[in-house]
Amino acid sequence: MFYLASTRFNQSTWNENAKYRREYFIKGAIYGVSIKINEKYPLRSIMFVIEMNNETNNICGIGIIRNSLLLDKKYTIYEENNYNRFIYVGDFWISREEIQGYDSLLVDMLETVLFKGKGHLKRQSGISVISAKSFLNWKYDENEIKESIKNLFISKFKTQHL
């Protein structure tokens, strides 16, 4: 079982995250957030994190993490230290362009759910799990979307163990 989650960026924090990944040769995902993932989600559970750019209303990519804090050292990903408080990492990440190449309809559905309507997720903070209710507002099948995202990662990383 895995969870579908989201985290939010503005253009500045997105650029800081991308720069950090480049400078430290991180091919996967790294997220610094000001609050922990809700404790109702099991430790070490798998989360597919959709990266939202709230300035462009576009997704930037999707990373896979485990609900497990990185505590080995202090990470300075962002200029605003509050965003460096809790760090989550994962070995796998796919860019927006790769997702579009795989399934452009998936990008459209995710952007509709995340950015549009009364149930949009732009105002949440940290890494937040996307509820089934978010998909019902748009009559999208949550399980189909989750399966599409999982298959996207399997097709890209099939030679590695997910």
N, C-alpha and C. Protein backbone atom coordinates (compact mmCIF):
# COMPACT_ATOMS: atom_id res chain seq x y z
N MET A 1 0.84 -1.18 0.00
CA MET A 1 0.00 0.00 0.00
C MET A 1 0.89 1.25 0.00
N PHE A 2 0.44 2.25 -0.70
CA PHE A 2 1.16 3.51 -0.70
C PHE A 2 0.16 4.65 -0.69
N TYR A 3 0.67 5.84 -0.38
CA TYR A 3 -0.16 7.03 -0.32
C TYR A 3 0.24 7.99 -1.42
N LEU A 4 -0.73 8.76 -1.87
CA LEU A 4 -0.50 9.84 -2.81
C LEU A 4 -0.51 11.13 -2.01
N ALA A 5 0.54 11.92 -2.12
CA ALA A 5 0.67 13.14 -1.32
C ALA A 5 1.09 14.30 -2.22
N SER A 6 1.11 15.48 -1.64
CA SER A 6 1.58 16.65 -2.39
C SER A 6 2.41 17.54 -1.48
N THR A 7 3.27 18.31 -2.09
CA THR A 7 3.99 19.37 -1.41
C THR A 7 4.03 20.56 -2.33
N ARG A 8 4.16 21.74 -1.76
CA ARG A 8 4.02 22.96 -2.53
C ARG A 8 5.32 23.76 -2.59
N PHE A 9 5.52 24.41 -3.73
CA PHE A 9 6.66 25.29 -3.95
C PHE A 9 6.16 26.60 -4.55
N ASN A 10 6.96 27.67 -4.38
CA ASN A 10 6.83 28.83 -5.26
C ASN A 10 8.04 28.74 -6.19
N GLN A 11 8.20 29.67 -7.11
CA GLN A 11 9.30 29.54 -8.07
C GLN A 11 10.66 29.58 -7.37
N SER A 12 10.76 30.40 -6.34
CA SER A 12 12.02 30.53 -5.62
C SER A 12 12.39 29.23 -4.88
N THR A 13 11.44 28.66 -4.15
CA THR A 13 11.75 27.42 -3.40
C THR A 13 11.95 26.24 -4.35
N TRP A 14 11.25 26.24 -5.49
CA TRP A 14 11.47 25.19 -6.48
C TRP A 14 12.90 25.28 -7.01
N ASN A 15 13.34 26.49 -7.34
CA ASN A 15 14.71 26.68 -7.84
C ASN A 15 15.74 26.27 -6.79
N GLU A 16 15.48 26.58 -5.52
CA GLU A 16 16.39 26.19 -4.45
C GLU A 16 16.47 24.67 -4.32
N ASN A 17 15.33 24.00 -4.42
CA ASN A 17 15.30 22.54 -4.33
C ASN A 17 16.07 21.92 -5.51
N ALA A 18 15.81 22.42 -6.72
CA ALA A 18 16.48 21.89 -7.91
C ALA A 18 17.99 22.12 -7.82
N LYS A 19 18.39 23.29 -7.36
CA LYS A 19 19.82 23.61 -7.22
C LYS A 19 20.47 22.68 -6.20
N TYR A 20 19.81 22.43 -5.08
CA TYR A 20 20.35 21.55 -4.05
C TYR A 20 20.54 20.13 -4.61
N ARG A 21 19.53 19.65 -5.33
CA ARG A 21 19.64 18.30 -5.91
C ARG A 21 20.79 18.22 -6.91
N ARG A 22 20.96 19.27 -7.71
CA ARG A 22 22.06 19.32 -8.68
C ARG A 22 23.42 19.35 -7.97
N GLU A 23 23.57 20.25 -7.00
CA GLU A 23 24.86 20.43 -6.33
C GLU A 23 25.29 19.20 -5.53
N TYR A 24 24.33 18.46 -5.00
CA TYR A 24 24.66 17.29 -4.18
C TYR A 24 24.39 15.97 -4.91
N PHE A 25 24.22 16.07 -6.23
CA PHE A 25 24.07 14.89 -7.08
C PHE A 25 22.95 13.96 -6.60
N ILE A 26 21.83 14.55 -6.24
CA ILE A 26 20.67 13.78 -5.79
C ILE A 26 19.79 13.49 -6.99
N LYS A 27 19.71 12.22 -7.37
CA LYS A 27 18.87 11.84 -8.52
C LYS A 27 17.43 11.60 -8.12
N GLY A 28 17.21 11.38 -6.85
CA GLY A 28 15.87 11.13 -6.32
C GLY A 28 15.24 12.42 -5.84
N ALA A 29 14.45 12.30 -4.78
CA ALA A 29 13.70 13.43 -4.24
C ALA A 29 14.23 13.81 -2.87
N ILE A 30 14.17 15.10 -2.57
CA ILE A 30 14.45 15.59 -1.22
C ILE A 30 13.49 16.74 -0.94
N TYR A 31 12.84 16.67 0.21
CA TYR A 31 11.87 17.69 0.58
C TYR A 31 12.16 18.17 1.99
N GLY A 32 12.27 19.47 2.13
CA GLY A 32 12.36 20.08 3.44
C GLY A 32 11.03 20.77 3.72
N VAL A 33 10.47 20.51 4.88
CA VAL A 33 9.15 21.07 5.21
C VAL A 33 9.14 21.59 6.65
N SER A 34 8.18 22.45 6.93
CA SER A 34 8.11 23.08 8.25
C SER A 34 7.33 22.24 9.27
N ILE A 35 6.56 21.27 8.80
CA ILE A 35 5.81 20.40 9.71
C ILE A 35 5.96 18.95 9.26
N LYS A 36 5.90 18.04 10.23
CA LYS A 36 6.02 16.61 9.92
C LYS A 36 4.78 16.11 9.19
N ILE A 37 4.94 15.00 8.49
CA ILE A 37 3.80 14.30 7.91
C ILE A 37 2.90 13.85 9.05
N ASN A 38 1.61 13.96 8.85
CA ASN A 38 0.63 13.60 9.88
C ASN A 38 0.94 12.22 10.47
N GLU A 39 0.89 12.14 11.79
CA GLU A 39 1.25 10.90 12.49
C GLU A 39 0.30 9.75 12.25
N LYS A 40 -0.86 10.01 11.64
CA LYS A 40 -1.79 8.89 11.39
C LYS A 40 -1.30 7.99 10.25
N TYR A 41 -0.28 8.44 9.51
CA TYR A 41 0.28 7.62 8.44
C TYR A 41 1.46 6.84 8.99
N PRO A 42 1.50 5.53 8.76
CA PRO A 42 2.53 4.69 9.37
C PRO A 42 3.95 5.13 9.00
N LEU A 43 4.84 5.03 9.99
CA LEU A 43 6.24 5.29 9.72
C LEU A 43 6.74 4.34 8.65
N ARG A 44 7.59 4.85 7.80
CA ARG A 44 8.21 4.09 6.70
C ARG A 44 7.24 3.73 5.59
N SER A 45 5.99 4.22 5.66
CA SER A 45 5.07 3.95 4.56
C SER A 45 5.53 4.71 3.32
N ILE A 46 5.22 4.16 2.16
CA ILE A 46 5.64 4.74 0.89
C ILE A 46 4.66 5.84 0.48
N MET A 47 5.23 6.96 0.03
CA MET A 47 4.41 8.09 -0.43
C MET A 47 4.93 8.59 -1.77
N PHE A 48 4.02 8.69 -2.73
CA PHE A 48 4.33 9.32 -4.00
C PHE A 48 3.97 10.79 -3.82
N VAL A 49 4.96 11.67 -3.85
CA VAL A 49 4.75 13.09 -3.55
C VAL A 49 4.72 13.89 -4.85
N ILE A 50 3.58 14.49 -5.12
CA ILE A 50 3.42 15.33 -6.30
C ILE A 50 3.87 16.73 -5.93
N GLU A 51 4.79 17.28 -6.71
CA GLU A 51 5.36 18.59 -6.45
C GLU A 51 4.53 19.65 -7.17
N MET A 52 3.96 20.57 -6.39
CA MET A 52 3.10 21.62 -6.93
C MET A 52 3.85 22.95 -6.95
N ASN A 53 3.82 23.64 -8.08
CA ASN A 53 4.32 25.01 -8.14
C ASN A 53 3.10 25.93 -8.08
N ASN A 54 2.90 26.57 -6.95
CA ASN A 54 1.70 27.39 -6.74
C ASN A 54 1.72 28.70 -7.53
N GLU A 55 2.85 29.09 -8.06
CA GLU A 55 2.89 30.31 -8.88
C GLU A 55 2.48 30.03 -10.32
N THR A 56 2.82 28.85 -10.82
CA THR A 56 2.50 28.52 -12.21
C THR A 56 1.27 27.63 -12.33
N ASN A 57 0.79 27.10 -11.19
CA ASN A 57 -0.31 26.13 -11.18
C ASN A 57 0.01 24.90 -12.03
N ASN A 58 1.27 24.48 -11.96
CA ASN A 58 1.72 23.28 -12.66
C ASN A 58 2.39 22.34 -11.67
N ILE A 59 2.35 21.05 -11.98
CA ILE A 59 3.16 20.13 -11.20
C ILE A 59 4.58 20.17 -11.77
N CYS A 60 5.56 19.97 -10.90
CA CYS A 60 6.97 20.01 -11.31
C CYS A 60 7.53 18.61 -11.50
N GLY A 61 6.99 17.66 -10.78
CA GLY A 61 7.47 16.29 -10.83
C GLY A 61 6.80 15.48 -9.74
N ILE A 62 7.23 14.23 -9.62
CA ILE A 62 6.73 13.34 -8.57
C ILE A 62 7.93 12.59 -8.00
N GLY A 63 8.02 12.56 -6.68
CA GLY A 63 9.08 11.81 -6.02
C GLY A 63 8.49 10.74 -5.13
N ILE A 64 9.26 9.71 -4.88
CA ILE A 64 8.83 8.67 -3.94
C ILE A 64 9.68 8.80 -2.68
N ILE A 65 9.01 8.87 -1.53
CA ILE A 65 9.70 8.91 -0.24
C ILE A 65 9.09 7.86 0.68
N ARG A 66 9.76 7.62 1.77
CA ARG A 66 9.18 6.88 2.89
C ARG A 66 8.88 7.89 3.99
N ASN A 67 7.84 7.62 4.75
CA ASN A 67 7.50 8.49 5.87
C ASN A 67 8.51 8.25 6.98
N SER A 68 9.69 8.80 6.78
CA SER A 68 10.79 8.62 7.72
C SER A 68 11.69 9.84 7.62
N LEU A 69 11.89 10.51 8.74
CA LEU A 69 12.70 11.73 8.74
C LEU A 69 14.18 11.40 8.58
N LEU A 70 14.87 12.27 7.88
CA LEU A 70 16.32 12.17 7.75
C LEU A 70 16.93 12.99 8.88
N LEU A 71 17.65 12.33 9.78
CA LEU A 71 18.13 12.99 11.00
C LEU A 71 19.65 12.98 11.13
N ASP A 72 20.37 12.57 10.09
CA ASP A 72 21.81 12.38 10.20
C ASP A 72 22.61 13.67 10.29
N LYS A 73 22.08 14.78 9.76
CA LYS A 73 22.78 16.06 9.82
C LYS A 73 21.78 17.18 9.55
N LYS A 74 22.25 18.41 9.63
CA LYS A 74 21.39 19.55 9.30
C LYS A 74 21.48 19.79 7.79
N TYR A 75 20.34 19.83 7.14
CA TYR A 75 20.27 20.09 5.70
C TYR A 75 19.81 21.53 5.48
N THR A 76 20.48 22.21 4.57
CA THR A 76 20.10 23.58 4.23
C THR A 76 19.74 23.61 2.75
N ILE A 77 18.51 23.23 2.48
CA ILE A 77 18.01 23.21 1.10
C ILE A 77 17.52 24.59 0.72
N TYR A 78 16.82 25.22 1.65
CA TYR A 78 16.14 26.49 1.38
C TYR A 78 16.74 27.63 2.19
N GLU A 79 16.67 28.82 1.62
CA GLU A 79 17.13 30.02 2.33
C GLU A 79 16.30 30.25 3.59
N GLU A 80 15.00 30.01 3.50
CA GLU A 80 14.09 30.14 4.65
C GLU A 80 14.27 28.89 5.52
N ASN A 81 14.95 29.04 6.66
CA ASN A 81 15.30 27.88 7.49
C ASN A 81 14.11 27.10 8.01
N ASN A 82 12.97 27.73 8.14
CA ASN A 82 11.78 27.02 8.61
C ASN A 82 11.45 25.84 7.69
N TYR A 83 11.76 25.96 6.41
CA TYR A 83 11.50 24.88 5.46
C TYR A 83 12.54 23.76 5.54
N ASN A 84 13.61 23.97 6.29
CA ASN A 84 14.64 22.95 6.46
C ASN A 84 14.46 22.16 7.75
N ARG A 85 13.34 22.34 8.42
CA ARG A 85 13.13 21.75 9.74
C ARG A 85 13.01 20.23 9.69
N PHE A 86 12.20 19.70 8.78
CA PHE A 86 11.99 18.25 8.66
C PHE A 86 12.33 17.83 7.23
N ILE A 87 13.20 16.84 7.10
CA ILE A 87 13.72 16.44 5.78
C ILE A 87 13.28 15.01 5.47
N TYR A 88 12.74 14.84 4.27
CA TYR A 88 12.35 13.53 3.75
C TYR A 88 13.07 13.32 2.42
N VAL A 89 13.58 12.11 2.20
CA VAL A 89 14.28 11.83 0.94
C VAL A 89 13.78 10.53 0.33
N GLY A 90 14.03 10.39 -0.95
CA GLY A 90 13.71 9.16 -1.66
C GLY A 90 14.65 9.00 -2.84
N ASP A 91 14.77 7.78 -3.30
CA ASP A 91 15.72 7.46 -4.38
C ASP A 91 15.15 7.67 -5.77
N PHE A 92 13.86 7.91 -5.88
CA PHE A 92 13.24 7.97 -7.20
C PHE A 92 12.48 9.28 -7.40
N TRP A 93 12.66 9.86 -8.59
CA TRP A 93 12.00 11.12 -8.94
C TRP A 93 11.79 11.15 -10.45
N ILE A 94 10.64 11.68 -10.86
CA ILE A 94 10.33 11.83 -12.28
C ILE A 94 9.89 13.26 -12.53
N SER A 95 10.43 13.86 -13.58
CA SER A 95 10.12 15.25 -13.91
C SER A 95 8.76 15.37 -14.60
N ARG A 96 8.25 16.58 -14.63
CA ARG A 96 6.99 16.89 -15.32
C ARG A 96 7.07 16.44 -16.79
N GLU A 97 8.20 16.73 -17.43
CA GLU A 97 8.35 16.40 -18.85
C GLU A 97 8.27 14.89 -19.08
N GLU A 98 8.88 14.13 -18.17
CA GLU A 98 8.81 12.67 -18.30
C GLU A 98 7.39 12.16 -18.10
N ILE A 99 6.67 12.76 -17.15
CA ILE A 99 5.28 12.36 -16.91
C ILE A 99 4.44 12.66 -18.14
N GLN A 100 4.62 13.85 -18.72
CA GLN A 100 3.87 14.22 -19.91
C GLN A 100 4.17 13.28 -21.07
N GLY A 101 5.41 12.87 -21.20
CA GLY A 101 5.78 11.93 -22.25
C GLY A 101 5.12 10.57 -22.08
N TYR A 102 4.89 10.21 -20.83
CA TYR A 102 4.26 8.93 -20.51
C TYR A 102 2.74 9.02 -20.65
N ASP A 103 2.15 10.08 -20.11
CA ASP A 103 0.68 10.20 -20.10
C ASP A 103 0.30 11.66 -19.82
N SER A 104 0.09 12.44 -20.88
CA SER A 104 -0.23 13.86 -20.69
C SER A 104 -1.58 14.05 -20.02
N LEU A 105 -2.49 13.10 -20.20
CA LEU A 105 -3.79 13.18 -19.53
C LEU A 105 -3.63 13.08 -18.01
N LEU A 106 -2.68 12.30 -17.56
CA LEU A 106 -2.40 12.18 -16.13
C LEU A 106 -1.99 13.54 -15.55
N VAL A 107 -1.15 14.26 -16.26
CA VAL A 107 -0.74 15.60 -15.82
C VAL A 107 -1.96 16.51 -15.72
N ASP A 108 -2.82 16.48 -16.73
CA ASP A 108 -4.03 17.32 -16.72
C ASP A 108 -4.93 16.98 -15.54
N MET A 109 -5.13 15.68 -15.29
CA MET A 109 -5.99 15.27 -14.17
C MET A 109 -5.41 15.73 -12.83
N LEU A 110 -4.11 15.52 -12.65
CA LEU A 110 -3.47 15.91 -11.39
C LEU A 110 -3.55 17.42 -11.18
N GLU A 111 -3.30 18.19 -12.22
CA GLU A 111 -3.36 19.64 -12.08
C GLU A 111 -4.77 20.13 -11.80
N THR A 112 -5.75 19.47 -12.36
CA THR A 112 -7.14 19.82 -12.07
C THR A 112 -7.45 19.58 -10.60
N VAL A 113 -7.11 18.40 -10.10
CA VAL A 113 -7.39 18.04 -8.70
C VAL A 113 -6.63 18.95 -7.74
N LEU A 114 -5.37 19.22 -8.03
CA LEU A 114 -4.51 19.94 -7.10
C LEU A 114 -4.72 21.45 -7.09
N PHE A 115 -5.04 22.03 -8.25
CA PHE A 115 -5.03 23.49 -8.37
C PHE A 115 -6.40 24.12 -8.59
N LYS A 116 -7.42 23.36 -8.93
CA LYS A 116 -8.68 23.98 -9.34
C LYS A 116 -9.83 23.61 -8.41
N GLY A 117 -10.83 24.46 -8.41
CA GLY A 117 -12.06 24.19 -7.68
C GLY A 117 -11.96 24.45 -6.19
N LYS A 118 -13.08 24.22 -5.53
CA LYS A 118 -13.15 24.53 -4.09
C LYS A 118 -12.31 23.57 -3.24
N GLY A 119 -11.98 22.42 -3.77
CA GLY A 119 -11.19 21.45 -3.00
C GLY A 119 -9.71 21.46 -3.34
N HIS A 120 -9.22 22.54 -3.98
CA HIS A 120 -7.80 22.58 -4.37
C HIS A 120 -6.90 22.45 -3.14
N LEU A 121 -5.65 22.11 -3.39
CA LEU A 121 -4.72 21.83 -2.30
C LEU A 121 -3.61 22.88 -2.18
N LYS A 122 -3.80 24.04 -2.78
CA LYS A 122 -2.75 25.06 -2.80
C LYS A 122 -2.43 25.63 -1.43
N ARG A 123 -3.36 25.60 -0.51
CA ARG A 123 -3.15 26.26 0.79
C ARG A 123 -2.67 25.32 1.89
N GLN A 124 -2.53 24.06 1.58
CA GLN A 124 -2.02 23.15 2.61
C GLN A 124 -0.53 23.41 2.80
N SER A 125 0.04 22.80 3.82
CA SER A 125 1.47 23.01 4.05
C SER A 125 2.16 21.68 4.31
N GLY A 126 3.47 21.70 4.13
CA GLY A 126 4.25 20.49 4.33
C GLY A 126 3.95 19.46 3.25
N ILE A 127 4.07 18.20 3.63
CA ILE A 127 3.71 17.08 2.75
C ILE A 127 2.38 16.57 3.26
N SER A 128 1.36 16.69 2.44
CA SER A 128 0.02 16.31 2.88
C SER A 128 -0.54 15.22 1.96
N VAL A 129 -1.14 14.22 2.57
CA VAL A 129 -1.73 13.12 1.82
C VAL A 129 -3.00 13.61 1.15
N ILE A 130 -3.17 13.23 -0.11
CA ILE A 130 -4.34 13.64 -0.89
C ILE A 130 -5.46 12.65 -0.58
N SER A 131 -6.57 13.16 -0.11
CA SER A 131 -7.68 12.29 0.28
C SER A 131 -8.48 11.84 -0.94
N ALA A 132 -9.19 10.74 -0.77
CA ALA A 132 -10.06 10.23 -1.84
C ALA A 132 -11.11 11.26 -2.22
N LYS A 133 -11.52 12.06 -1.25
CA LYS A 133 -12.54 13.08 -1.49
C LYS A 133 -12.10 14.08 -2.57
N SER A 134 -10.81 14.38 -2.62
CA SER A 134 -10.30 15.32 -3.63
C SER A 134 -10.59 14.84 -5.04
N PHE A 135 -10.54 13.53 -5.24
CA PHE A 135 -10.78 12.98 -6.57
C PHE A 135 -12.26 12.93 -6.89
N LEU A 136 -13.09 12.72 -5.88
CA LEU A 136 -14.54 12.65 -6.10
C LEU A 136 -15.10 13.97 -6.61
N ASN A 137 -14.52 15.08 -6.16
CA ASN A 137 -14.98 16.39 -6.63
C ASN A 137 -14.90 16.51 -8.15
N TRP A 138 -13.98 15.75 -8.75
CA TRP A 138 -13.76 15.83 -10.19
C TRP A 138 -14.17 14.54 -10.91
N LYS A 139 -14.75 13.62 -10.18
CA LYS A 139 -15.18 12.33 -10.74
C LYS A 139 -14.02 11.55 -11.38
N TYR A 140 -12.83 11.70 -10.79
CA TYR A 140 -11.68 10.90 -11.20
C TYR A 140 -11.58 9.72 -10.25
N ASP A 141 -11.09 8.61 -10.75
CA ASP A 141 -10.92 7.42 -9.92
C ASP A 141 -9.53 7.46 -9.28
N GLU A 142 -9.51 7.61 -7.97
CA GLU A 142 -8.25 7.70 -7.23
C GLU A 142 -7.37 6.49 -7.50
N ASN A 143 -7.95 5.30 -7.49
CA ASN A 143 -7.14 4.09 -7.69
C ASN A 143 -6.53 4.02 -9.08
N GLU A 144 -7.26 4.49 -10.09
CA GLU A 144 -6.71 4.51 -11.45
C GLU A 144 -5.52 5.46 -11.53
N ILE A 145 -5.66 6.63 -10.91
CA ILE A 145 -4.57 7.61 -10.93
C ILE A 145 -3.36 7.06 -10.18
N LYS A 146 -3.59 6.45 -9.01
CA LYS A 146 -2.49 5.87 -8.24
C LYS A 146 -1.80 4.77 -9.05
N GLU A 147 -2.59 3.95 -9.71
CA GLU A 147 -2.03 2.86 -10.52
C GLU A 147 -1.20 3.41 -11.68
N SER A 148 -1.69 4.48 -12.32
CA SER A 148 -0.95 5.11 -13.42
C SER A 148 0.39 5.64 -12.94
N ILE A 149 0.39 6.29 -11.78
CA ILE A 149 1.64 6.84 -11.24
C ILE A 149 2.60 5.71 -10.88
N LYS A 150 2.09 4.67 -10.24
CA LYS A 150 2.94 3.53 -9.89
C LYS A 150 3.54 2.90 -11.15
N ASN A 151 2.72 2.71 -12.18
CA ASN A 151 3.20 2.10 -13.42
C ASN A 151 4.23 2.98 -14.13
N LEU A 152 4.06 4.29 -14.03
CA LEU A 152 5.03 5.22 -14.59
C LEU A 152 6.40 4.99 -13.96
N PHE A 153 6.44 4.88 -12.65
CA PHE A 153 7.71 4.65 -11.96
C PHE A 153 8.27 3.27 -12.29
N ILE A 154 7.41 2.28 -12.35
CA ILE A 154 7.88 0.93 -12.68
C ILE A 154 8.49 0.91 -14.07
N SER A 155 7.84 1.58 -15.03
CA SER A 155 8.36 1.57 -16.40
C SER A 155 9.70 2.30 -16.49
N LYS A 156 9.89 3.35 -15.70
CA LYS A 156 11.16 4.09 -15.76
C LYS A 156 12.27 3.38 -14.99
N PHE A 157 11.93 2.82 -13.84
CA PHE A 157 12.95 2.26 -12.95
C PHE A 157 12.87 0.74 -12.85
N LYS A 158 12.36 0.07 -13.87
CA LYS A 158 12.09 -1.37 -13.78
C LYS A 158 13.34 -2.21 -13.51
N THR A 159 14.51 -1.68 -13.82
CA THR A 159 15.72 -2.45 -13.54
C THR A 159 16.18 -2.29 -12.09
N GLN A 160 15.57 -1.34 -11.38
CA GLN A 160 15.90 -1.12 -9.97
C GLN A 160 14.72 -1.58 -9.13
N HIS A 161 14.97 -1.87 -7.87
CA HIS A 161 13.91 -2.32 -6.97
C HIS A 161 13.20 -1.11 -6.37
N LEU A 162 11.86 -1.05 -6.55
CA LEU A 162 11.08 0.06 -5.97
C LEU A 162 10.74 -0.24 -4.54
